[in-house]
Amino acid sequence: MGVIKVDFAGKSFNLDSADGMDAVSSQLALGSYEPPLPFLMMATLLRVDGIFVDVGANTGIYSVLACIMTRDRKVIAFEPLPKALDALRRNLMLNGIASQVEIHEIALSEKDGTAVLHIPDPGHGLLETSASLEQGFQQVHSTISVPVRRFDNLGIQDHIGVIKVDIEGHEHAFLRGARDSILRDRPIIFAEVVGPAKRGAIGAFLHGVDYLDFRLRPDMAIHDGEVLFDNAAWNHALVPTERLDKFKEICDSCNLPVLRRFTLS
């Protein structure tokens, strides 16, 4: 199996390296994985009440971090890809936190039913975790059918503090399917926004629920008034306008400057 020990913000935990095939675990151990997201997300969890919802949990990096950093925090994780699910469960078991995480073996979108999950070519020799419900997201190697639900239809009553959504270009559909829950709890949301993402749809959603977008560069959080692709900032923070002071406090705790190039009139 192969286990990698990770030291993070004064805490230690273990990750299954999948015999060296999981590049993410190695990057996290080296401190080079998705900066500034790991520290910023954990700083948010430490300062915001409510459960952590991990959409596209993948091998469980952020679910594990949430449990290790906030031992009493309930986590709900969603992951439809079987190989990623297996790695997620192994990582939870390795750290004795399986009982803290509620796993749903489904994809999230804007409707209930089934959908085709498009899986890229695994020929790179690493654990393939970039499957997408978006047909044109990457060149497709194979497909599987997976159950799909709207988040709002799941009946989750817990107050939601933080959501992480990384579902390979399908983030806009998740947001629309979670609109009622987002309006109810006003969580801070961390979302991946890569080149093929439907940025206009994300921007329209944020405008409708009174949220602002900040793209997260390693050295700065930037708000431009619209959702932009930035190759140095694949991860974005989606922040309720009434929680901007809290978000700045969180960024300050991580020594991350906040730049607003566009301000509300």
Protein backbone atom coordinates (compact mmCIF):
# COMPACT_ATOMS: atom_id res chain seq x y z
CA MET A 1 0.00 0.00 0.00
CA GLY A 2 2.63 2.56 1.07
CA VAL A 3 1.86 5.19 3.68
CA ILE A 4 3.02 8.81 3.65
CA LYS A 5 3.19 10.78 6.89
CA VAL A 6 2.04 14.37 6.54
CA ASP A 7 2.76 17.18 9.01
CA PHE A 8 0.30 20.03 8.66
CA ALA A 9 -0.12 23.07 10.94
CA GLY A 10 1.16 21.21 13.97
CA LYS A 11 -0.86 18.06 13.28
CA SER A 12 0.28 14.74 11.83
CA PHE A 13 -1.70 12.21 9.83
CA ASN A 14 -1.19 9.45 7.28
CA LEU A 15 -2.17 9.07 3.64
CA ASP A 16 -2.17 5.99 1.45
CA SER A 17 0.24 6.59 -1.43
CA ALA A 18 -1.45 3.90 -3.57
CA ASP A 19 2.02 2.43 -4.11
CA GLY A 20 3.25 5.78 -5.34
CA MET A 21 0.37 6.28 -7.76
CA ASP A 22 -1.34 9.03 -5.74
CA ALA A 23 0.55 12.20 -6.60
CA VAL A 24 -1.70 14.33 -4.39
CA SER A 25 -0.55 12.70 -1.14
CA SER A 26 3.09 13.33 -2.05
CA GLN A 27 2.42 16.96 -2.98
CA LEU A 28 0.58 17.59 0.27
CA ALA A 29 3.44 16.09 2.27
CA LEU A 30 5.84 18.45 0.48
CA GLY A 31 3.57 21.46 1.05
CA SER A 32 3.12 22.03 -2.68
CA TYR A 33 -0.50 20.96 -3.12
CA GLU A 34 -2.93 23.66 -4.33
CA PRO A 35 -1.56 26.62 -2.35
CA PRO A 36 -3.07 28.52 -0.61
CA LEU A 37 -6.19 26.32 -0.43
CA PRO A 38 -5.32 23.74 2.26
CA PHE A 39 -4.33 26.32 4.88
CA LEU A 40 -7.06 28.79 3.90
CA MET A 41 -9.79 26.15 4.01
CA MET A 42 -8.66 24.83 7.39
CA ALA A 43 -8.40 28.38 8.77
CA THR A 44 -11.99 28.86 7.61
CA LEU A 45 -13.19 25.68 9.33
CA LEU A 46 -11.55 26.82 12.56
CA ARG A 47 -13.44 30.13 12.42
CA VAL A 48 -16.83 29.13 10.99
CA ASP A 49 -19.45 26.94 12.66
CA GLY A 50 -21.25 24.16 10.82
CA ILE A 51 -20.52 20.94 8.98
CA PHE A 52 -18.01 20.53 6.16
CA VAL A 53 -19.40 19.31 2.83
CA ASP A 54 -16.80 17.77 0.51
CA VAL A 55 -18.21 17.56 -3.04
CA GLY A 56 -15.91 15.54 -5.25
CA ALA A 57 -14.08 14.19 -2.22
CA ASN A 58 -11.66 12.30 -4.44
CA THR A 59 -9.15 10.37 -2.29
CA GLY A 60 -10.24 12.34 0.78
CA ILE A 61 -7.44 14.85 1.26
CA TYR A 62 -9.72 17.65 2.44
CA SER A 63 -12.06 15.37 4.40
CA VAL A 64 -9.04 14.03 6.29
CA LEU A 65 -7.69 17.53 6.90
CA ALA A 66 -11.08 18.72 8.19
CA CYS A 67 -11.30 15.81 10.64
CA ILE A 68 -7.72 16.17 11.86
CA MET A 69 -7.88 19.93 12.31
CA THR A 70 -11.40 20.07 13.80
CA ARG A 71 -11.94 16.81 15.67
CA ASP A 72 -15.60 17.46 16.48
CA ARG A 73 -16.56 18.54 12.95
CA LYS A 74 -19.05 16.45 11.00
CA VAL A 75 -18.03 15.86 7.39
CA ILE A 76 -20.29 14.77 4.52
CA ALA A 77 -18.35 13.55 1.48
CA PHE A 78 -19.62 12.89 -2.05
CA GLU A 79 -17.65 10.79 -4.52
CA PRO A 80 -18.99 8.60 -7.36
CA LEU A 81 -15.73 7.22 -8.85
CA PRO A 82 -15.06 3.70 -7.45
CA LYS A 83 -11.25 3.89 -7.36
CA ALA A 84 -11.32 7.28 -5.66
CA LEU A 85 -13.90 5.96 -3.19
CA ASP A 86 -11.62 3.07 -2.28
CA ALA A 87 -8.74 5.46 -1.63
CA LEU A 88 -11.03 7.77 0.38
CA ARG A 89 -12.07 4.92 2.66
CA ARG A 90 -8.47 3.76 3.12
CA ASN A 91 -7.37 7.25 4.14
CA LEU A 92 -10.19 7.60 6.65
CA MET A 93 -9.39 4.19 8.15
CA LEU A 94 -5.66 4.99 8.33
CA ASN A 95 -6.42 7.96 10.56
CA GLY A 96 -9.21 6.45 12.66
CA ILE A 97 -11.78 8.99 11.47
CA ALA A 98 -14.15 6.84 9.40
CA SER A 99 -16.98 7.38 11.88
CA GLN A 100 -16.66 11.17 11.50
CA VAL A 101 -17.32 11.16 7.75
CA GLU A 102 -20.65 10.35 6.11
CA ILE A 103 -19.94 9.10 2.58
CA HIS A 104 -22.42 9.32 -0.29
CA GLU A 105 -21.48 7.28 -3.38
CA ILE A 106 -23.20 9.69 -5.76
CA ALA A 107 -22.49 12.65 -8.00
CA LEU A 108 -24.15 16.00 -7.37
CA SER A 109 -25.76 18.09 -10.07
CA GLU A 110 -28.93 20.12 -10.72
CA LYS A 111 -31.30 17.16 -11.16
CA ASP A 112 -31.94 13.67 -9.79
CA GLY A 113 -31.38 10.55 -11.86
CA THR A 114 -28.38 8.89 -13.45
CA ALA A 115 -25.64 10.36 -15.61
CA VAL A 116 -22.55 9.36 -17.55
CA LEU A 117 -19.25 9.89 -15.75
CA HIS A 118 -16.48 10.45 -18.30
CA ILE A 119 -13.11 8.98 -17.28
CA PRO A 120 -9.84 10.19 -18.88
CA ASP A 121 -7.03 7.94 -20.09
CA PRO A 122 -5.25 6.43 -17.03
CA GLY A 123 -2.10 5.78 -19.08
CA HIS A 124 -0.09 8.35 -17.11
CA GLY A 125 0.44 5.67 -14.44
CA LEU A 126 -1.09 7.68 -11.60
CA LEU A 127 -4.36 7.25 -9.74
CA GLU A 128 -6.91 8.79 -12.13
CA THR A 129 -9.31 11.05 -10.27
CA SER A 130 -10.32 13.61 -12.94
CA ALA A 131 -13.60 12.02 -14.01
CA SER A 132 -16.31 14.50 -14.99
CA LEU A 133 -20.00 14.66 -15.80
CA GLU A 134 -19.01 17.16 -18.50
CA GLN A 135 -18.45 15.24 -21.72
CA GLY A 136 -16.00 17.72 -23.22
CA PHE A 137 -13.94 18.34 -20.09
CA GLN A 138 -11.11 16.03 -21.15
CA GLN A 139 -10.50 13.40 -23.79
CA VAL A 140 -12.58 10.42 -22.72
CA HIS A 141 -11.10 6.95 -22.26
CA SER A 142 -14.13 5.18 -20.76
CA THR A 143 -17.48 5.91 -19.13
CA ILE A 144 -19.61 4.57 -16.31
CA SER A 145 -23.18 5.34 -15.24
CA VAL A 146 -23.52 6.90 -11.78
CA PRO A 147 -26.44 8.04 -9.61
CA VAL A 148 -26.91 11.81 -9.54
CA ARG A 149 -28.80 13.93 -6.99
CA ARG A 150 -29.58 17.55 -6.30
CA PHE A 151 -28.02 18.50 -2.97
CA ASP A 152 -31.22 20.31 -1.96
CA ASN A 153 -33.18 17.07 -2.33
CA LEU A 154 -31.04 15.11 0.14
CA GLY A 155 -32.78 16.53 3.20
CA ILE A 156 -29.59 17.51 5.04
CA GLN A 157 -30.67 19.54 8.05
CA ASP A 158 -27.26 20.23 9.60
CA HIS A 159 -26.08 23.81 9.39
CA ILE A 160 -23.43 24.00 6.65
CA GLY A 161 -20.34 26.07 7.42
CA VAL A 162 -17.99 25.29 4.53
CA ILE A 163 -18.40 23.57 1.16
CA LYS A 164 -15.56 22.39 -1.07
CA VAL A 165 -16.61 21.55 -4.63
CA ASP A 166 -14.14 20.16 -7.15
CA ILE A 167 -16.04 18.21 -9.81
CA GLU A 168 -14.13 18.91 -12.99
CA GLY A 169 -16.14 21.62 -14.71
CA HIS A 170 -19.56 20.67 -13.31
CA GLU A 171 -19.44 23.10 -10.38
CA HIS A 172 -22.10 25.38 -11.91
CA ALA A 173 -24.65 22.53 -11.91
CA PHE A 174 -23.88 21.60 -8.30
CA LEU A 175 -24.41 25.19 -7.21
CA ARG A 176 -27.80 25.37 -8.91
CA GLY A 177 -28.80 22.09 -7.28
CA ALA A 178 -27.75 23.40 -3.85
CA ARG A 179 -29.28 26.88 -4.14
CA ASP A 180 -31.81 26.54 -1.32
CA SER A 181 -29.20 25.16 1.09
CA ILE A 182 -26.76 27.93 0.18
CA LEU A 183 -29.41 30.60 0.72
CA ARG A 184 -30.37 29.00 4.05
CA ASP A 185 -26.91 28.62 5.62
CA ARG A 186 -24.69 31.07 3.67
CA PRO A 187 -21.60 28.84 3.77
CA ILE A 188 -18.21 29.89 2.49
CA ILE A 189 -17.60 27.81 -0.64
CA PHE A 190 -14.27 26.79 -2.14
CA ALA A 191 -14.66 25.81 -5.80
CA GLU A 192 -12.33 24.77 -8.56
CA VAL A 193 -12.66 26.95 -11.68
CA VAL A 194 -10.52 25.57 -14.51
CA GLY A 195 -10.41 26.51 -18.18
CA PRO A 196 -13.45 24.54 -19.42
CA ALA A 197 -15.62 25.61 -16.46
CA LYS A 198 -18.84 27.46 -17.25
CA ARG A 199 -17.73 30.69 -15.61
CA GLY A 200 -20.68 32.73 -16.87
CA ALA A 201 -23.12 30.33 -15.25
CA ILE A 202 -21.16 30.42 -11.99
CA GLY A 203 -21.09 34.22 -12.06
CA ALA A 204 -24.82 34.47 -12.71
CA PHE A 205 -25.51 32.10 -9.81
CA LEU A 206 -23.32 34.11 -7.43
CA HIS A 207 -25.04 37.35 -8.41
CA GLY A 208 -28.43 35.77 -7.72
CA VAL A 209 -27.50 34.64 -4.20
CA ASP A 210 -25.41 37.73 -3.28
CA TYR A 211 -22.00 36.06 -3.21
CA LEU A 212 -18.62 37.36 -4.40
CA ASP A 213 -15.88 35.41 -6.15
CA PHE A 214 -12.22 35.54 -5.08
CA ARG A 215 -9.64 33.66 -7.11
CA LEU A 216 -6.98 32.23 -4.85
CA ARG A 217 -3.46 32.82 -6.06
CA PRO A 218 -0.67 31.48 -3.81
CA ASP A 219 0.15 35.06 -2.80
CA MET A 220 -3.23 36.84 -3.00
CA ALA A 221 -7.04 36.52 -3.06
CA ILE A 222 -8.43 38.65 -5.90
CA HIS A 223 -11.98 39.83 -6.60
CA ASP A 224 -12.57 41.20 -10.12
CA GLY A 225 -16.36 41.54 -10.26
CA GLU A 226 -16.64 38.50 -12.52
CA VAL A 227 -15.49 34.88 -12.47
CA LEU A 228 -12.22 34.71 -14.40
CA PHE A 229 -9.94 31.82 -15.28
CA ASP A 230 -6.47 32.23 -13.85
CA ASN A 231 -3.89 29.52 -14.47
CA ALA A 232 -2.24 30.52 -11.20
CA ALA A 233 -5.53 30.28 -9.29
CA TRP A 234 -7.59 27.23 -10.14
CA ASN A 235 -9.33 27.44 -6.77
CA HIS A 236 -11.77 30.20 -5.89
CA ALA A 237 -13.48 31.29 -2.69
CA LEU A 238 -17.18 32.11 -3.05
CA VAL A 239 -18.12 34.38 -0.16
CA PRO A 240 -21.48 35.78 1.00
CA THR A 241 -21.31 39.58 0.87
CA GLU A 242 -22.29 39.80 4.54
CA ARG A 243 -19.27 37.66 5.49
CA LEU A 244 -16.57 39.65 3.71
CA ASP A 245 -15.08 40.88 6.99
CA LYS A 246 -14.88 37.28 8.24
CA PHE A 247 -13.24 36.18 4.98
CA LYS A 248 -10.64 38.95 5.26
CA GLU A 249 -9.96 37.90 8.86
CA ILE A 250 -9.39 34.33 7.63
CA CYS A 251 -7.07 35.52 4.86
CA ASP A 252 -5.15 37.69 7.34
CA SER A 253 -4.59 34.64 9.53
CA CYS A 254 -2.89 32.97 6.54
CA ASN A 255 -0.93 36.10 5.57
CA LEU A 256 -2.88 36.19 2.31
CA PRO A 257 -3.57 39.73 1.05
CA VAL A 258 -7.04 40.48 -0.33
CA LEU A 259 -7.36 42.64 -3.44
CA ARG A 260 -10.74 43.94 -4.59
CA ARG A 261 -10.41 45.42 -8.07
CA PHE A 262 -14.19 45.83 -8.22
CA THR A 263 -16.27 47.08 -5.29
CA LEU A 264 -19.99 47.21 -4.73
CA SER A 265 -21.55 50.60 -5.41
